[in-house]
């Protein structure tokens, strides 16, 4: 059975069930399987993002319009 057929079979079973406790368990299982994108990044990447957010909070950034003006001269 391919993955698409399995998905369809699971959807049918989900639609047929009236057991809320089973649906809650399935939902929890699926949510636990989803990888957290933040945790998937390296510590270096996380620190770079935090630094960038801190700089933006302090107003230490260049607007998109300014960047586009700078790159416009090379066209």
N, C-alpha and C. Protein backbone atom coordinates (compact mmCIF):
# COMPACT_ATOMS: atom_id res chain seq x y z
N UNK A 1 0.85 -1.17 0.00
CA UNK A 1 0.00 0.00 0.00
C UNK A 1 0.90 1.24 0.00
N UNK A 2 0.61 2.18 -0.90
CA UNK A 2 1.41 3.40 -0.94
C UNK A 2 0.92 4.41 0.09
N UNK A 3 1.68 5.47 0.27
CA UNK A 3 1.37 6.43 1.33
C UNK A 3 0.04 7.14 1.11
N UNK A 4 -0.29 7.43 -0.12
CA UNK A 4 -1.55 8.12 -0.41
C UNK A 4 -2.74 7.23 -0.07
N UNK A 5 -2.65 5.96 -0.38
CA UNK A 5 -3.72 5.02 -0.04
C UNK A 5 -3.85 4.89 1.47
N UNK A 6 -2.73 4.89 2.16
CA UNK A 6 -2.74 4.81 3.62
C UNK A 6 -3.41 6.04 4.21
N UNK A 7 -3.09 7.20 3.67
CA UNK A 7 -3.71 8.44 4.15
C UNK A 7 -5.23 8.39 3.97
N UNK A 8 -5.66 7.95 2.80
CA UNK A 8 -7.10 7.87 2.53
C UNK A 8 -7.78 6.90 3.50
N UNK A 9 -7.14 5.77 3.74
CA UNK A 9 -7.70 4.79 4.67
C UNK A 9 -7.80 5.37 6.08
N UNK A 10 -6.78 6.08 6.50
CA UNK A 10 -6.80 6.71 7.81
C UNK A 10 -7.88 7.78 7.90
N UNK A 11 -8.05 8.55 6.84
CA UNK A 11 -9.10 9.57 6.84
C UNK A 11 -10.47 8.93 6.99
N UNK A 12 -10.70 7.83 6.29
CA UNK A 12 -11.98 7.14 6.41
C UNK A 12 -12.20 6.65 7.84
N UNK A 13 -11.16 6.08 8.43
CA UNK A 13 -11.28 5.59 9.80
C UNK A 13 -11.53 6.74 10.78
N UNK A 14 -10.86 7.85 10.57
CA UNK A 14 -11.06 9.02 11.42
C UNK A 14 -12.48 9.56 11.32
N UNK A 15 -12.99 9.60 10.11
CA UNK A 15 -14.34 10.10 9.91
C UNK A 15 -15.40 9.18 10.52
N UNK A 16 -15.10 7.91 10.58
CA UNK A 16 -16.06 6.94 11.10
C UNK A 16 -16.08 6.86 12.62
N UNK A 17 -14.97 7.18 13.26
CA UNK A 17 -14.89 7.00 14.71
C UNK A 17 -15.69 8.07 15.46
N UNK A 18 -16.27 7.65 16.56
CA UNK A 18 -16.98 8.56 17.44
C UNK A 18 -16.29 8.66 18.80
N UNK A 19 -15.12 8.04 18.89
CA UNK A 19 -14.38 8.03 20.15
C UNK A 19 -13.48 9.25 20.23
N UNK A 20 -13.90 10.21 21.03
CA UNK A 20 -13.13 11.44 21.16
C UNK A 20 -11.76 11.17 21.78
N UNK A 21 -11.70 10.24 22.71
CA UNK A 21 -10.42 9.93 23.36
C UNK A 21 -9.41 9.40 22.35
N UNK A 22 -9.86 8.61 21.39
CA UNK A 22 -8.98 8.09 20.35
C UNK A 22 -8.49 9.23 19.46
N UNK A 23 -9.37 10.14 19.10
CA UNK A 23 -8.99 11.28 18.27
C UNK A 23 -7.97 12.17 18.98
N UNK A 24 -8.15 12.34 20.28
CA UNK A 24 -7.20 13.14 21.06
C UNK A 24 -5.83 12.48 21.06
N UNK A 25 -5.79 11.15 21.21
CA UNK A 25 -4.52 10.42 21.20
C UNK A 25 -3.83 10.53 19.84
N UNK A 26 -4.60 10.39 18.78
CA UNK A 26 -4.04 10.47 17.43
C UNK A 26 -3.48 11.86 17.18
N UNK A 27 -4.24 12.88 17.59
CA UNK A 27 -3.78 14.26 17.41
C UNK A 27 -2.48 14.49 18.17
N UNK A 28 -2.41 14.01 19.40
CA UNK A 28 -1.19 14.18 20.21
C UNK A 28 -0.01 13.47 19.56
N UNK A 29 -0.24 12.29 19.02
CA UNK A 29 0.81 11.54 18.36
C UNK A 29 1.34 12.29 17.14
N UNK A 30 0.43 12.81 16.34
CA UNK A 30 0.84 13.57 15.14
C UNK A 30 1.59 14.84 15.52
N UNK A 31 1.12 15.53 16.54
CA UNK A 31 1.80 16.75 16.97
C UNK A 31 3.19 16.46 17.52
N UNK A 32 3.34 15.34 18.22
CA UNK A 32 4.64 14.96 18.78
C UNK A 32 5.63 14.61 17.67
N UNK A 33 5.14 14.14 16.56
CA UNK A 33 6.00 13.74 15.45
C UNK A 33 6.51 14.92 14.64
N UNK A 34 5.83 16.06 14.74
CA UNK A 34 6.25 17.23 13.98
C UNK A 34 7.51 17.80 14.61
N UNK A 35 8.51 18.02 13.79
CA UNK A 35 9.77 18.55 14.28
C UNK A 35 9.66 20.05 14.49
N UNK A 36 10.12 20.49 15.62
CA UNK A 36 10.14 21.91 15.94
C UNK A 36 11.27 22.56 15.13
N UNK A 37 10.95 23.51 14.28
CA UNK A 37 11.96 24.11 13.41
C UNK A 37 13.05 24.81 14.21
N UNK A 38 12.70 25.37 15.36
CA UNK A 38 13.71 26.05 16.17
C UNK A 38 14.73 25.05 16.70
N UNK A 39 14.24 23.93 17.19
CA UNK A 39 15.14 22.90 17.72
C UNK A 39 15.99 22.26 16.64
N UNK A 40 15.51 22.30 15.41
CA UNK A 40 16.25 21.69 14.31
C UNK A 40 17.45 22.54 13.89
N UNK A 41 17.47 23.82 14.31
CA UNK A 41 18.58 24.70 13.95
C UNK A 41 19.74 24.50 14.92
N UNK A 42 20.91 24.82 14.43
CA UNK A 42 22.10 24.76 15.30
C UNK A 42 22.06 25.91 16.30
N UNK A 43 22.85 25.80 17.34
CA UNK A 43 22.94 26.87 18.35
C UNK A 43 23.44 28.16 17.72
N UNK A 44 24.36 28.04 16.77
CA UNK A 44 24.89 29.23 16.07
C UNK A 44 23.78 29.94 15.33
N UNK A 45 22.96 29.16 14.60
CA UNK A 45 21.84 29.76 13.86
C UNK A 45 20.85 30.42 14.81
N UNK A 46 20.55 29.75 15.93
CA UNK A 46 19.63 30.33 16.91
C UNK A 46 20.17 31.65 17.46
N UNK A 47 21.47 31.68 17.78
CA UNK A 47 22.08 32.90 18.31
C UNK A 47 22.05 34.02 17.29
N UNK A 48 22.28 33.69 16.01
CA UNK A 48 22.25 34.71 14.96
C UNK A 48 20.85 35.32 14.83
N UNK A 49 19.84 34.48 14.93
CA UNK A 49 18.47 34.98 14.86
C UNK A 49 18.15 35.86 16.06
N UNK A 50 18.56 35.41 17.25
CA UNK A 50 18.33 36.22 18.46
C UNK A 50 19.03 37.57 18.35
N UNK A 51 20.26 37.56 17.84
CA UNK A 51 21.01 38.80 17.67
C UNK A 51 20.27 39.73 16.71
N UNK A 52 19.82 39.19 15.61
CA UNK A 52 19.08 39.98 14.62
C UNK A 52 17.80 40.56 15.20
N UNK A 53 17.08 39.78 15.98
CA UNK A 53 15.85 40.28 16.60
C UNK A 53 16.14 41.37 17.62
N UNK A 54 17.21 41.18 18.40
CA UNK A 54 17.62 42.21 19.36
C UNK A 54 17.97 43.51 18.64
N UNK A 55 18.70 43.40 17.54
CA UNK A 55 19.08 44.59 16.77
C UNK A 55 17.83 45.28 16.21
N UNK A 56 16.90 44.50 15.70
CA UNK A 56 15.67 45.07 15.15
C UNK A 56 14.87 45.78 16.24
N UNK A 57 14.81 45.18 17.43
CA UNK A 57 14.10 45.81 18.55
C UNK A 57 14.71 47.15 18.92
N UNK A 58 16.02 47.27 18.74
CA UNK A 58 16.73 48.52 19.07
C UNK A 58 16.72 49.51 17.90
N UNK A 59 16.11 49.11 16.78
CA UNK A 59 16.07 49.98 15.61
C UNK A 59 17.34 49.94 14.80
N UNK A 60 18.17 48.96 15.05
CA UNK A 60 19.45 48.84 14.35
C UNK A 60 19.29 47.97 13.10
N UNK A 61 18.63 48.53 12.12
CA UNK A 61 18.41 47.78 10.88
C UNK A 61 18.29 48.75 9.72
N UNK A 62 18.36 48.22 8.53
CA UNK A 62 18.19 49.00 7.31
C UNK A 62 16.90 48.54 6.66
N UNK A 63 16.06 49.47 6.29
CA UNK A 63 14.77 49.13 5.71
C UNK A 63 14.94 48.44 4.35
N UNK A 64 13.93 47.70 3.97
CA UNK A 64 13.94 47.04 2.67
C UNK A 64 14.07 48.06 1.53
N UNK A 65 13.41 49.20 1.69
CA UNK A 65 13.48 50.23 0.67
C UNK A 65 14.92 50.73 0.48
N UNK A 66 15.64 50.92 1.59
CA UNK A 66 17.02 51.38 1.52
C UNK A 66 17.91 50.34 0.84
N UNK A 67 17.70 49.09 1.17
CA UNK A 67 18.47 48.01 0.53
C UNK A 67 18.21 48.00 -0.96
N UNK A 68 16.95 48.13 -1.36
CA UNK A 68 16.60 48.11 -2.77
C UNK A 68 17.25 49.30 -3.50
N UNK A 69 17.32 50.46 -2.86
CA UNK A 69 17.98 51.63 -3.46
C UNK A 69 19.47 51.34 -3.69
N UNK A 70 20.11 50.71 -2.71
CA UNK A 70 21.54 50.39 -2.82
C UNK A 70 21.80 49.42 -3.97
N UNK A 71 20.93 48.44 -4.15
CA UNK A 71 21.13 47.44 -5.20
C UNK A 71 20.69 47.96 -6.56
N UNK A 72 19.86 48.98 -6.57
CA UNK A 72 19.37 49.55 -7.81
C UNK A 72 20.50 50.10 -8.67
N UNK A 73 21.53 50.62 -8.03
CA UNK A 73 22.62 51.21 -8.80
C UNK A 73 23.40 50.18 -9.61
N UNK A 74 23.27 48.89 -9.31
CA UNK A 74 23.97 47.87 -10.07
C UNK A 74 23.15 47.33 -11.24
N UNK A 75 21.96 47.81 -11.41
CA UNK A 75 21.14 47.35 -12.54
C UNK A 75 21.41 48.14 -13.76
